[in-house]
Protein backbone atom coordinates (compact mmCIF):
# COMPACT_ATOMS: atom_id res chain seq x y z
CA MET A 1 40.33 25.70 -52.12
CA GLN A 2 40.95 23.94 -55.44
CA TRP A 3 37.42 22.51 -55.51
CA GLN A 4 36.04 25.99 -55.95
CA CYS A 5 38.43 26.79 -58.80
CA SER A 6 38.33 23.79 -61.13
CA GLY A 7 36.71 20.51 -62.02
CA ALA A 8 38.73 18.86 -59.30
CA GLY A 9 36.08 16.23 -58.73
CA LYS A 10 37.15 14.43 -61.92
CA GLU A 11 39.87 11.80 -61.54
CA ASP A 12 42.01 13.20 -64.36
CA GLU A 13 41.90 16.63 -62.71
CA ASP A 14 42.49 15.40 -59.18
CA ILE A 15 45.72 16.97 -57.98
CA LEU A 16 45.96 14.43 -55.14
CA ILE A 17 46.54 11.62 -57.65
CA LYS A 18 49.54 13.38 -59.17
CA ASP A 19 51.33 14.68 -56.11
CA ASP A 20 51.57 14.23 -52.36
CA PRO A 21 49.71 17.04 -50.49
CA GLN A 22 53.05 18.16 -48.99
CA ILE A 23 54.18 19.26 -52.47
CA HIS A 24 51.32 21.68 -53.02
CA VAL A 25 51.09 22.91 -49.42
CA PRO A 26 54.78 23.09 -48.49
CA THR A 27 55.97 23.37 -44.92
CA ILE A 28 57.83 26.68 -45.00
CA GLU A 29 60.61 25.88 -42.53
CA SER A 30 61.50 22.45 -43.96
CA LEU A 31 60.57 22.53 -47.66
CA VAL A 32 60.72 26.19 -48.65
CA TYR A 33 63.12 28.39 -46.69
CA SER A 34 65.57 25.60 -45.94
CA ALA A 35 66.14 25.21 -49.69
CA ASN A 36 66.17 28.95 -50.46
CA PRO A 37 66.40 31.68 -47.81
CA LEU A 38 64.74 34.14 -50.22
CA PRO A 39 62.20 32.20 -52.28
CA ASP A 40 60.16 34.01 -54.93
CA PHE A 41 56.45 33.66 -54.18
CA SER A 42 55.33 36.28 -56.68
CA ASP A 43 54.20 33.72 -59.27
CA MET A 44 52.29 31.62 -56.75
CA PRO A 45 48.58 31.98 -57.59
CA SER A 46 46.17 33.26 -54.97
CA PRO A 47 44.87 32.11 -52.65
CA ARG A 48 48.23 30.73 -51.48
CA LEU A 49 48.38 27.77 -49.10
CA LEU A 50 51.39 27.33 -46.82
CA HIS A 51 52.03 25.19 -43.77
CA THR A 52 54.21 25.47 -40.67
CA HIS A 53 55.04 23.53 -37.52
CA LEU A 54 56.39 26.69 -35.90
CA PRO A 55 54.76 28.08 -32.73
CA TYR A 56 52.65 31.20 -33.08
CA SER A 57 55.15 33.38 -31.19
CA ILE A 58 57.76 33.25 -33.95
CA LEU A 59 55.51 33.61 -36.98
CA PRO A 60 56.29 36.67 -39.13
CA ASP A 61 54.55 39.89 -38.13
CA SER A 62 53.09 40.08 -41.64
CA ILE A 63 51.06 36.94 -40.85
CA LYS A 64 49.92 38.19 -37.46
CA LYS A 65 48.97 41.67 -38.62
CA SER A 66 47.43 40.90 -42.01
CA GLU A 67 43.94 39.65 -42.75
CA CYS A 68 45.25 36.22 -43.80
CA LYS A 69 43.69 33.24 -42.05
CA ILE A 70 45.26 30.49 -39.97
CA VAL A 71 43.87 26.97 -39.61
CA TYR A 72 45.40 25.07 -36.71
CA ILE A 73 44.97 21.39 -35.83
CA THR A 74 46.08 19.45 -32.76
CA ARG A 75 45.61 15.96 -31.43
CA ASN A 76 45.42 13.89 -28.24
CA LEU A 77 48.93 14.18 -26.83
CA LYS A 78 49.41 10.42 -26.34
CA ASP A 79 48.46 9.61 -29.93
CA THR A 80 50.67 12.51 -31.05
CA PHE A 81 53.63 11.04 -29.21
CA VAL A 82 53.13 7.49 -30.55
CA SER A 83 52.62 8.75 -34.12
CA LEU A 84 55.75 10.88 -33.83
CA TRP A 85 57.74 7.88 -32.57
CA HIS A 86 56.66 5.73 -35.53
CA PHE A 87 57.28 8.55 -38.00
CA LEU A 88 60.81 9.37 -36.86
CA ASN A 89 61.73 5.69 -36.75
CA ALA A 90 60.49 5.32 -40.33
CA ILE A 91 62.49 8.23 -41.74
CA CYS A 92 65.60 8.17 -39.54
CA ARG A 93 66.12 4.52 -38.61
CA ALA A 94 64.52 2.56 -41.44
CA ASN A 95 66.96 -0.34 -41.29
CA GLN A 96 67.90 -0.06 -37.64
CA GLN A 97 66.46 -0.81 -34.25
CA PRO A 98 63.77 1.75 -33.39
CA ILE A 99 64.50 4.61 -31.03
CA PRO A 100 63.81 3.25 -27.51
CA LEU A 101 60.26 4.21 -26.63
CA GLU A 102 61.27 5.13 -23.08
CA LYS A 103 63.93 7.60 -24.23
CA ALA A 104 61.62 9.16 -26.81
CA PHE A 105 58.92 9.45 -24.16
CA GLU A 106 61.23 11.33 -21.78
CA CYS A 107 62.17 13.76 -24.54
CA PHE A 108 58.50 14.35 -25.35
CA CYS A 109 57.55 14.93 -21.71
CA ASN A 110 60.43 17.39 -21.32
CA GLY A 111 59.47 19.17 -24.54
CA VAL A 112 62.86 18.43 -26.12
CA TYR A 113 62.03 17.32 -29.63
CA LEU A 114 61.61 18.87 -33.08
CA HIS A 115 59.08 21.72 -32.98
CA GLY A 116 58.36 21.06 -29.29
CA PRO A 117 57.29 21.62 -26.55
CA PHE A 118 53.84 20.27 -27.42
CA PHE A 119 51.93 22.26 -24.79
CA ASP A 120 53.53 25.63 -25.56
CA HIS A 121 52.73 25.13 -29.23
CA VAL A 122 49.07 24.20 -28.71
CA LEU A 123 48.32 26.85 -26.11
CA GLN A 124 49.79 29.70 -28.15
CA PHE A 125 47.45 29.04 -31.06
CA TRP A 126 44.53 28.29 -28.71
CA THR A 127 44.95 31.61 -26.92
CA GLU A 128 45.13 33.56 -30.15
CA ASN A 129 42.09 31.69 -31.45
CA LEU A 130 40.09 32.87 -28.44
CA ARG A 131 41.16 36.44 -29.07
CA ARG A 132 40.61 36.39 -32.83
CA PRO A 133 38.25 33.60 -33.87
CA HIS A 134 37.69 35.36 -37.19
CA LYS A 135 41.39 34.88 -38.01
CA ILE A 136 42.31 31.54 -36.42
CA LEU A 137 40.28 28.32 -36.65
CA PHE A 138 41.26 25.76 -34.02
CA LEU A 139 40.57 22.13 -34.96
CA LYS A 140 40.96 18.90 -33.01
CA TYR A 141 41.92 15.74 -34.87
CA GLU A 142 39.52 13.65 -32.76
CA GLU A 143 36.57 15.86 -33.64
CA LEU A 144 37.51 15.69 -37.32
CA LYS A 145 37.52 11.88 -37.10
CA ARG A 146 34.30 11.70 -35.10
CA ASP A 147 32.27 14.21 -37.12
CA PRO A 148 34.09 14.74 -40.42
CA LYS A 149 31.13 16.29 -42.22
CA GLY A 150 30.43 18.82 -39.52
CA GLN A 151 34.08 19.80 -39.16
CA VAL A 152 34.78 20.00 -42.91
CA LYS A 153 31.75 22.25 -43.40
CA ARG A 154 33.03 24.41 -40.54
CA LEU A 155 36.45 24.54 -42.21
CA ALA A 156 35.02 25.43 -45.62
CA SER A 157 32.89 28.22 -44.17
CA PHE A 158 35.88 29.63 -42.30
CA LEU A 159 37.85 29.68 -45.57
CA GLY A 160 35.03 31.48 -47.34
CA ARG A 161 34.26 28.43 -49.50
CA PRO A 162 31.02 26.97 -48.09
CA PHE A 163 29.56 23.91 -49.77
CA ALA A 164 26.42 24.30 -51.85
CA GLU A 165 25.07 20.81 -51.10
CA GLU A 166 25.77 17.69 -49.05
CA GLU A 167 26.97 15.71 -52.08
CA GLU A 168 29.97 18.03 -52.38
CA VAL A 169 30.91 17.33 -48.76
CA ASP A 170 30.72 13.57 -49.27
CA LYS A 171 32.87 13.72 -52.41
CA LEU A 172 35.50 15.85 -50.74
CA LEU A 173 35.69 13.55 -47.73
CA TRP A 174 36.18 10.56 -50.01
CA ARG A 175 38.87 12.32 -52.03
CA CYS A 176 40.81 13.33 -48.93
CA SER A 177 40.25 10.23 -46.83
CA LEU A 178 43.43 8.76 -45.34
CA ASP A 179 42.51 5.32 -46.66
CA ARG A 180 42.36 6.66 -50.24
CA LEU A 181 45.46 8.82 -49.94
CA LYS A 182 47.73 6.11 -48.60
CA ASN A 183 46.66 3.76 -51.44
CA LEU A 184 47.38 6.24 -54.22
CA GLU A 185 50.47 5.31 -56.22
CA VAL A 186 52.11 8.66 -55.63
CA ASN A 187 52.02 8.12 -51.86
CA LYS A 188 53.16 4.51 -51.98
CA ASN A 189 56.29 5.09 -54.05
CA GLY A 190 57.02 8.82 -54.20
CA ASP A 191 59.29 11.00 -52.12
CA LEU A 192 59.49 14.60 -50.97
CA ASN A 193 62.70 16.16 -52.23
CA LYS A 194 64.22 12.74 -51.46
CA ARG A 195 64.07 13.59 -47.78
CA CYS A 196 61.63 11.00 -46.65
CA CYS A 197 59.33 8.41 -48.13
CA SER A 198 55.81 9.76 -48.73
CA SER A 199 54.37 6.56 -47.31
CA SER A 200 55.82 7.47 -43.91
CA LEU A 201 53.42 10.43 -43.86
CA ASN A 202 50.37 8.20 -44.10
CA GLN A 203 50.22 6.28 -40.84
CA PRO A 204 46.97 4.61 -39.68
CA GLY A 205 45.66 7.77 -38.03
CA ALA A 206 43.51 5.89 -35.54
CA MET A 207 42.57 7.40 -32.21
CA ALA A 208 43.74 5.89 -28.92
CA SER A 209 46.44 4.01 -30.78
CA SER A 210 49.01 4.30 -28.01
CA ASP A 211 50.46 1.04 -26.77
CA PRO A 212 48.23 -0.26 -23.94
CA SER A 213 51.21 -2.05 -22.41
CA SER A 214 52.96 1.28 -21.71
CA ALA A 215 53.51 1.91 -18.03
CA VAL A 216 50.54 3.56 -16.31
CA ALA A 217 52.95 5.83 -14.47
CA GLN A 218 54.28 7.21 -17.75
CA ILE A 219 50.80 7.97 -19.04
CA GLN A 220 49.97 9.73 -15.79
CA ILE A 221 53.07 11.91 -16.12
CA ILE A 222 52.15 13.14 -19.55
CA GLU A 223 48.53 13.72 -18.51
CA ILE A 224 49.67 15.77 -15.52
CA LYS A 225 51.69 17.95 -17.86
CA SER A 226 48.54 18.41 -19.92
CA LEU A 227 46.61 19.48 -16.81
CA LYS A 228 49.19 22.04 -15.85
CA SER A 229 49.33 23.54 -19.32
CA ALA A 230 45.71 23.47 -20.44
CA GLY A 231 43.84 24.29 -17.22
CA LYS A 232 41.78 27.45 -17.19
CA THR A 233 42.29 28.22 -20.84
CA GLY A 234 39.22 26.09 -21.44
CA LEU A 235 41.13 23.86 -23.84
CA ARG A 236 40.79 20.09 -23.44
CA VAL A 237 43.29 18.10 -25.49
CA TRP A 238 42.69 14.80 -23.71
CA GLN A 239 39.66 13.08 -22.20
CA PRO A 240 40.78 9.87 -20.45
CA TYR A 241 37.95 9.82 -17.94
CA ALA A 242 35.10 11.37 -19.92
CA THR A 243 31.77 10.58 -18.30
CA GLU A 244 29.74 11.93 -21.17
CA SER A 245 30.50 10.91 -24.75
CA PRO A 246 31.05 13.80 -27.17
CA ASP A 247 27.98 12.65 -29.06
CA SER A 248 25.74 12.90 -25.97
CA VAL A 249 27.11 16.35 -25.14
CA ASP A 250 26.43 17.49 -28.70
CA VAL A 251 22.88 16.15 -28.48
CA LEU A 252 22.39 18.10 -25.25
CA LEU A 253 23.83 21.33 -26.65
CA ASN A 254 21.64 21.12 -29.74
CA LYS A 255 18.61 21.32 -27.46
CA LEU A 256 19.83 24.39 -25.56
CA SER A 257 19.53 28.09 -26.32
CA LYS A 258 22.81 29.39 -27.72
CA GLU A 259 24.31 32.88 -27.92
CA ARG A 260 27.69 34.27 -28.92
CA PHE A 261 29.42 35.78 -25.89
CA TRP A 262 31.26 38.97 -26.78
CA GLU A 263 32.14 37.64 -30.25
CA VAL A 264 34.57 35.21 -28.59
CA THR A 265 32.81 31.97 -27.67
CA ASP A 266 29.44 30.25 -27.82
CA ILE A 267 27.54 29.98 -24.55
CA TYR A 268 24.50 27.81 -23.83
CA GLN A 269 21.71 28.15 -21.30
CA TRP A 270 21.94 24.96 -19.27
CA GLU A 271 19.70 24.56 -16.20
CA GLY A 272 19.13 28.33 -16.33
CA VAL A 273 22.86 29.21 -16.35
CA TRP A 274 24.77 30.58 -19.36
CA LEU A 275 27.97 28.55 -19.76
CA ALA A 276 30.55 27.64 -22.38
CA ARG A 277 30.55 24.02 -23.55
CA GLU A 278 33.59 23.09 -21.43
CA CYS A 279 31.98 24.52 -18.31
CA ILE A 280 28.76 22.59 -18.96
CA GLU A 281 30.72 19.34 -19.24
CA ALA A 282 32.60 20.19 -16.03
CA ALA A 283 29.38 21.15 -14.20
CA ILE A 284 27.73 17.88 -15.21
CA ALA A 285 30.75 15.94 -13.97
CA PHE A 286 30.84 17.97 -10.74
CA ARG A 287 27.18 17.30 -10.05
CA SER A 288 27.58 13.60 -10.87
CA HIS A 289 30.74 12.78 -8.95
CA PHE A 290 31.39 15.26 -6.14
CA GLU A 291 30.94 13.79 -2.67
CA ALA A 292 30.86 16.51 -0.05
CA ARG A 293 32.35 16.07 3.39
CA ASP A 294 30.62 17.61 6.38
CA ASP A 295 33.59 19.89 7.02
CA ASP A 296 33.98 21.08 3.42
CA VAL A 297 33.66 24.81 2.73
CA ILE A 298 32.22 25.86 -0.63
CA LEU A 299 32.82 29.45 -1.67
CA ALA A 300 30.34 30.80 -4.20
CA SER A 301 30.05 34.13 -5.96
CA THR A 302 28.65 36.05 -8.84
CA ILE A 303 31.44 36.67 -11.34
CA LYS A 304 33.73 39.64 -10.56
CA SER A 305 32.23 40.22 -7.13
CA GLY A 306 35.23 39.82 -4.83
CA THR A 307 36.05 36.16 -5.49
CA THR A 308 39.83 36.56 -5.22
CA TRP A 309 39.59 38.42 -1.92
CA LEU A 310 37.14 35.89 -0.48
CA LYS A 311 39.40 32.99 -1.45
CA ALA A 312 42.38 34.63 0.24
CA LEU A 313 40.45 35.39 3.44
CA CYS A 314 38.93 31.92 3.82
CA LEU A 315 42.20 30.20 2.94
CA CYS A 316 44.06 32.14 5.63
CA ILE A 317 41.32 31.71 8.23
CA MET A 318 41.41 27.92 7.77
CA GLN A 319 45.20 27.75 7.48
CA SER A 320 45.92 29.90 10.53
CA GLN A 321 44.41 27.24 12.79
CA ILE A 322 46.75 24.60 11.38
CA ASN A 323 49.97 26.60 11.16
CA ASP A 324 50.74 29.09 13.92
CA ASP A 325 53.55 30.53 11.78
CA ALA A 326 51.27 31.23 8.82
CA GLU A 327 51.70 35.00 9.10
CA LYS A 328 55.47 34.70 8.67
CA GLU A 329 56.59 35.67 5.17
CA GLU A 330 58.34 32.36 4.47
CA GLU A 331 55.29 30.39 5.65
CA ASP A 332 52.65 32.58 4.00
CA ILE A 333 50.94 30.57 1.26
CA LEU A 334 49.77 33.80 -0.41
CA VAL A 335 53.38 34.77 -1.07
CA LYS A 336 53.92 31.54 -2.97
CA TYR A 337 50.64 31.10 -4.83
CA ASN A 338 47.79 33.07 -6.30
CA PRO A 339 44.55 32.39 -4.32
CA HIS A 340 42.96 30.77 -7.39
CA VAL A 341 45.59 28.02 -7.34
CA CYS A 342 44.90 27.12 -3.70
CA VAL A 343 41.11 27.38 -3.91
CA GLN A 344 40.11 26.01 -7.30
CA THR A 345 36.92 26.94 -9.12
CA VAL A 346 35.35 23.53 -9.74
CA GLU A 347 33.79 24.22 -13.16
CA ALA A 348 36.79 26.15 -14.49
CA HIS A 349 39.63 24.21 -12.87
CA THR A 350 38.98 20.94 -11.07
CA TYR A 351 36.34 19.23 -13.20
CA MET A 352 37.28 20.93 -16.45
CA ILE A 353 40.72 19.31 -16.55
CA ASN A 354 39.55 15.97 -15.15
CA PRO A 355 35.86 15.00 -15.18
CA ASN A 356 36.40 12.49 -12.38
CA PRO A 357 39.24 13.75 -10.17
CA ASP A 358 40.38 11.86 -7.09
CA LEU A 359 39.83 14.35 -4.25
CA SER A 360 40.06 11.77 -1.47
CA GLY A 361 43.64 12.70 -0.66
CA MET A 362 42.88 16.37 -0.01
CA PRO A 363 43.32 17.17 3.69
CA SER A 364 40.28 18.41 5.57
CA PRO A 365 38.82 20.95 5.73
CA ARG A 366 38.66 21.25 1.94
CA LEU A 367 38.02 24.58 0.22
CA PHE A 368 36.37 24.81 -3.20
CA HIS A 369 34.81 27.63 -5.19
CA THR A 370 32.08 27.91 -7.81
CA HIS A 371 30.28 30.54 -9.91
CA LEU A 372 27.43 28.10 -10.54
CA HIS A 373 23.87 28.82 -9.41
CA TYR A 374 22.67 27.09 -6.26
CA ASN A 375 20.12 24.99 -8.14
CA VAL A 376 22.82 23.07 -10.09
CA LEU A 377 25.07 22.26 -7.13
CA PRO A 378 25.51 18.55 -6.34
CA ASP A 379 22.96 17.09 -3.92
CA SER A 380 25.82 16.02 -1.66
CA ILE A 381 26.57 19.70 -0.98
CA LYS A 382 22.94 20.57 -0.32
CA ASN A 383 22.29 17.54 1.90
CA SER A 384 25.53 17.46 3.89
CA LYS A 385 26.60 19.68 6.76
CA CYS A 386 29.25 21.43 4.69
CA LYS A 387 29.09 25.22 4.70
CA ILE A 388 28.70 27.71 1.86
CA VAL A 389 30.07 31.25 1.89
CA TYR A 390 28.55 33.44 -0.81
CA ILE A 391 29.61 36.92 -1.89
CA THR A 392 27.97 39.34 -4.30
CA ARG A 393 28.42 42.93 -5.35
CA ASN A 394 26.62 45.98 -6.66
CA PRO A 395 25.59 44.90 -10.19
CA LYS A 396 26.96 48.09 -11.77
CA ASP A 397 30.45 47.55 -10.33
CA ALA A 398 30.21 43.83 -11.16
CA LEU A 399 29.40 44.70 -14.78
CA VAL A 400 32.28 47.17 -15.17
CA SER A 401 34.73 44.79 -13.52
CA LEU A 402 33.57 41.96 -15.79
CA TRP A 403 33.98 44.22 -18.83
CA HIS A 404 37.57 45.06 -17.90
CA HIS A 405 38.40 41.45 -17.02
CA PHE A 406 37.23 39.84 -20.25
CA ASN A 407 38.68 42.60 -22.42
CA THR A 408 42.06 41.96 -20.77
CA MET A 409 41.71 38.21 -21.27
CA PHE A 410 40.28 38.06 -24.77
CA ARG A 411 41.19 41.35 -26.45
CA PRO A 412 44.52 42.54 -24.97
CA ASN A 413 45.86 44.02 -28.20
CA GLN A 414 42.57 45.07 -29.71
CA GLU A 415 39.88 47.66 -29.22
CA PRO A 416 37.78 46.69 -26.17
CA PHE A 417 34.42 45.09 -26.70
CA PRO A 418 31.91 47.97 -26.84
CA LEU A 419 30.65 48.71 -23.33
CA GLU A 420 27.18 49.35 -24.71
CA LYS A 421 27.00 45.81 -26.08
CA GLY A 422 28.39 44.35 -22.87
CA PHE A 423 25.79 46.32 -20.92
CA GLU A 424 22.96 44.90 -23.05
CA CYS A 425 24.21 41.34 -22.56
CA PHE A 426 24.42 41.86 -18.79
CA CYS A 427 20.96 43.40 -18.53
CA ASN A 428 19.50 40.53 -20.55
CA GLY A 429 21.32 37.99 -18.37
CA VAL A 430 23.23 36.60 -21.36
CA THR A 431 26.73 36.54 -19.91
CA LEU A 432 29.06 33.86 -18.60
CA PHE A 433 27.58 32.41 -15.38
CA GLY A 434 24.57 34.68 -15.76
CA PRO A 435 21.92 35.78 -15.25
CA PHE A 436 23.41 37.82 -12.39
CA PHE A 437 20.19 38.25 -10.41
CA ASP A 438 19.18 34.59 -10.65
CA ASN A 439 22.52 33.62 -9.12
CA VAL A 440 22.20 36.15 -6.30
CA LEU A 441 18.58 35.40 -5.42
CA GLN A 442 19.03 31.63 -5.31
CA TYR A 443 21.76 31.87 -2.66
CA TRP A 444 19.97 34.68 -0.81
CA THR A 445 16.77 32.63 -0.53
CA GLN A 446 18.67 29.58 0.72
CA SER A 447 20.62 31.68 3.25
CA LEU A 448 17.31 32.84 4.76
CA LYS A 449 16.19 29.21 5.08
CA MET A 450 19.54 27.87 6.32
CA PRO A 451 21.59 30.67 7.93
CA HIS A 452 23.65 28.02 9.75
CA LYS A 453 24.71 26.58 6.40
CA ILE A 454 24.98 29.60 4.08
CA LEU A 455 26.64 32.90 4.92
CA PHE A 456 25.64 35.71 2.55
CA LEU A 457 28.23 38.49 2.20
CA LYS A 458 28.18 41.77 0.28
CA TYR A 459 31.41 43.13 -1.18
CA GLU A 460 30.49 46.69 -0.21
CA GLU A 461 30.01 45.75 3.46
CA LEU A 462 33.34 43.92 3.46
CA LYS A 463 35.03 47.06 2.13
CA LYS A 464 33.15 49.41 4.48
CA ASP A 465 33.62 47.46 7.73
CA PRO A 466 36.23 44.75 7.07
CA LYS A 467 36.94 43.92 10.71
CA THR A 468 33.31 43.19 11.59
CA GLN A 469 32.69 41.20 8.41
CA LEU A 470 35.92 39.22 8.81
CA LYS A 471 35.03 38.28 12.38
CA ARG A 472 31.57 37.29 11.19
CA LEU A 473 33.16 35.10 8.49
CA ALA A 474 35.63 33.47 10.89
CA SER A 475 32.90 32.69 13.41
CA PHE A 476 30.72 31.15 10.72
CA LEU A 477 33.62 28.92 9.70
CA GLY A 478 34.13 27.86 13.31
CA ARG A 479 37.48 29.65 13.51
CA PRO A 480 36.83 32.76 15.66
CA PHE A 481 39.73 35.10 16.34
CA GLY A 482 41.33 35.19 19.79
CA ASN A 483 42.03 38.91 19.79
CA GLU A 484 41.85 42.07 17.68
CA GLU A 485 45.51 41.82 16.71
CA GLU A 486 44.79 38.58 14.83
CA VAL A 487 42.03 40.32 12.88
CA ASP A 488 44.34 43.18 11.91
CA LYS A 489 47.09 40.78 10.78
CA MET A 490 44.65 38.77 8.70
CA LEU A 491 43.24 41.85 7.00
CA TRP A 492 46.75 43.03 6.15
CA ARG A 493 47.79 39.62 4.79
CA CYS A 494 44.74 39.42 2.53
CA SER A 495 44.42 43.08 1.57
CA LEU A 496 44.07 43.62 -2.16
CA GLU A 497 46.88 46.18 -2.09
CA ARG A 498 49.30 43.66 -0.61
CA LEU A 499 48.16 40.81 -2.83
CA LYS A 500 48.52 42.71 -6.10
CA ASN A 501 52.04 43.83 -5.14
CA LEU A 502 53.30 40.32 -4.31
CA GLU A 503 55.73 39.04 -6.92
CA VAL A 504 53.61 35.96 -7.68
CA ASN A 505 50.72 38.20 -8.70
CA LYS A 506 52.78 40.80 -10.57
CA SER A 507 54.67 38.50 -12.89
CA GLY A 508 53.41 34.97 -12.46
CA SER A 509 50.65 32.87 -13.93
CA SER A 510 48.90 30.12 -12.05
CA LEU A 511 49.58 26.41 -12.40
CA TRP A 512 46.24 25.96 -14.18
CA THR A 513 46.19 28.90 -16.57
CA THR A 514 48.22 30.93 -19.02
CA VAL A 515 46.36 34.07 -17.92
CA PRO A 516 48.63 36.35 -15.83
CA ASN A 517 47.82 36.46 -12.12
CA SER A 518 47.80 40.26 -12.32
CA ILE A 519 44.51 40.12 -14.23
CA PHE A 520 42.69 39.31 -10.98
CA PHE A 521 43.74 42.59 -9.34
CA ARG A 522 42.48 45.88 -10.75
CA VAL A 523 41.15 48.66 -8.49
CA GLY A 524 38.51 46.93 -6.37
CA ILE A 525 36.85 50.19 -5.33
CA VAL A 526 33.16 50.68 -4.61
CA GLY A 527 31.40 52.95 -7.08
CA GLY A 528 33.99 52.71 -9.84
CA TRP A 529 31.13 52.23 -12.28
CA LYS A 530 30.50 56.00 -12.19
CA ASN A 531 33.49 56.51 -14.47
CA TYR A 532 32.02 54.29 -17.18
CA LEU A 533 28.22 54.08 -17.19
CA THR A 534 26.04 56.81 -18.63
CA SER A 535 23.14 58.19 -16.63
CA GLU A 536 20.78 56.25 -18.89
CA MET A 537 22.65 53.01 -18.18
CA GLU A 538 22.62 53.76 -14.45
CA GLU A 539 18.89 54.39 -14.42
CA ARG A 540 18.07 51.28 -16.43
CA LEU A 541 20.20 48.92 -14.34
CA ASP A 542 18.88 50.42 -11.09
CA GLN A 543 15.34 49.83 -12.33
CA ILE A 544 16.14 46.20 -13.24
CA THR A 545 17.71 45.72 -9.79
CA ARG A 546 14.64 47.05 -7.98
CA GLU A 547 12.29 44.91 -10.07
CA ARG A 548 14.31 41.70 -9.65
CA LEU A 549 14.83 42.10 -5.89
CA GLU A 550 11.31 43.29 -5.08
CA GLY A 551 9.78 41.25 -2.27
CA SER A 552 12.96 39.29 -1.58
CA GLY A 553 14.09 41.34 1.40
CA LEU A 554 17.54 41.72 -0.22
CA GLU A 555 19.02 45.14 -0.85
CA LEU A 556 22.05 45.77 -3.03
CA ASP A 557 23.74 49.16 -3.25
CA VAL A 558 22.47 51.06 -6.29
């Protein structure tokens, strides 16, 4: 900010030579309000820069509701822990034995430390950044180290201070480099309100600096906590098994068509599918590493086409053969867990949180789900004897359901994304996991070629004649019902009305996501689109449907 206001490039004008950065950008809870509960900010020149370690949830409403901007940075959790351990030893136990690493580690894992828990803190700002990217910029320390020029230009643009030329970027990076800062006299010998030595704030800052001799079991514990917290949010704060380097992914993305999805996130057209960066990385890992078993069952669907219901039905069909008491309340897995926890979506759950997961311990038959097109599935799925169950839906209802779903996820306290814009994106195929018709037709074509391998279901037929369609599904999975009573019980167990009224789906959130489970249950009726789409929208989407399905033999309700 100062660069734009003065001749800060000159050494005699360089504020960083005179004072530690903490002096000019004070941390409000430790350097401002702890010294004076009612400080006077009126003389502080604009734009004002302040810092906090506080989680988003307890920031003042004036910050949340104003047009002020927030820049947030986080770091690999293992490096964060090790840096924290060194820092606290330096300021609290300078002439003593260091805090035992094992005890500090336990505190960190349990979230019991200053400004913790780590995961709650990170995910609160991440979630708000998804909802309001114009207000909150989310940075990762590793990306700033790997591509400082790109990230600093991104930061400057977000702050409304873009650089005029590359030379300015280079100068700023030199001025603010950790190597330069820690060698400045003010940071070697100064102090901050005599609370701690400034030099303790300038640690090496290297990545992957954690002690390699630390127990593998401990590292696994902290990574598991990361999995549970980050999951479906799309945030990746650690990459211990990355199969593609960030550089190679960036090179790939630079070659792909890119669009902004609903003013929330960038999506790229990879192998004909529109996906966010994290989903592309997960899909590449899925295709590279997944080894299908002959008795695997892969559920596939266009987005918002009955996925939750299909997961529940297939889970219960497979489980009922293993556990005769599965319909009892205390044994019913659906009472304990949302269907998306038990049947993970590979590109949004399994391979997003670990690019090379160990699935060998999963009992057979294994159930997985994907929204990916057939053409990008791993060869091991296509070439094995595993089965695929696919479900789709009337495109108009799918569109309206998608519109509600993403507005609830990304814009809960804002005006919804204009339906007209969402309609245009859908019609043009530029939507997450789109284009819709490409997805549908790929699975339809393969089901005609391999009806023994791929079962093609329509949501409307499942709603209209659930008993017949459920028996068809069970027979395809090799788990036919013994009598009609079993069919009735299964339909009741998996009914959307029952599922959305279970406590786990009314108030819980899944192990892999901070999104409430209730978001997956709205109305689920056929023809709900009539309350939202204009006659012009209806006519246009019907025309697109007829044109895209012409000659395929497939009919979707219109």
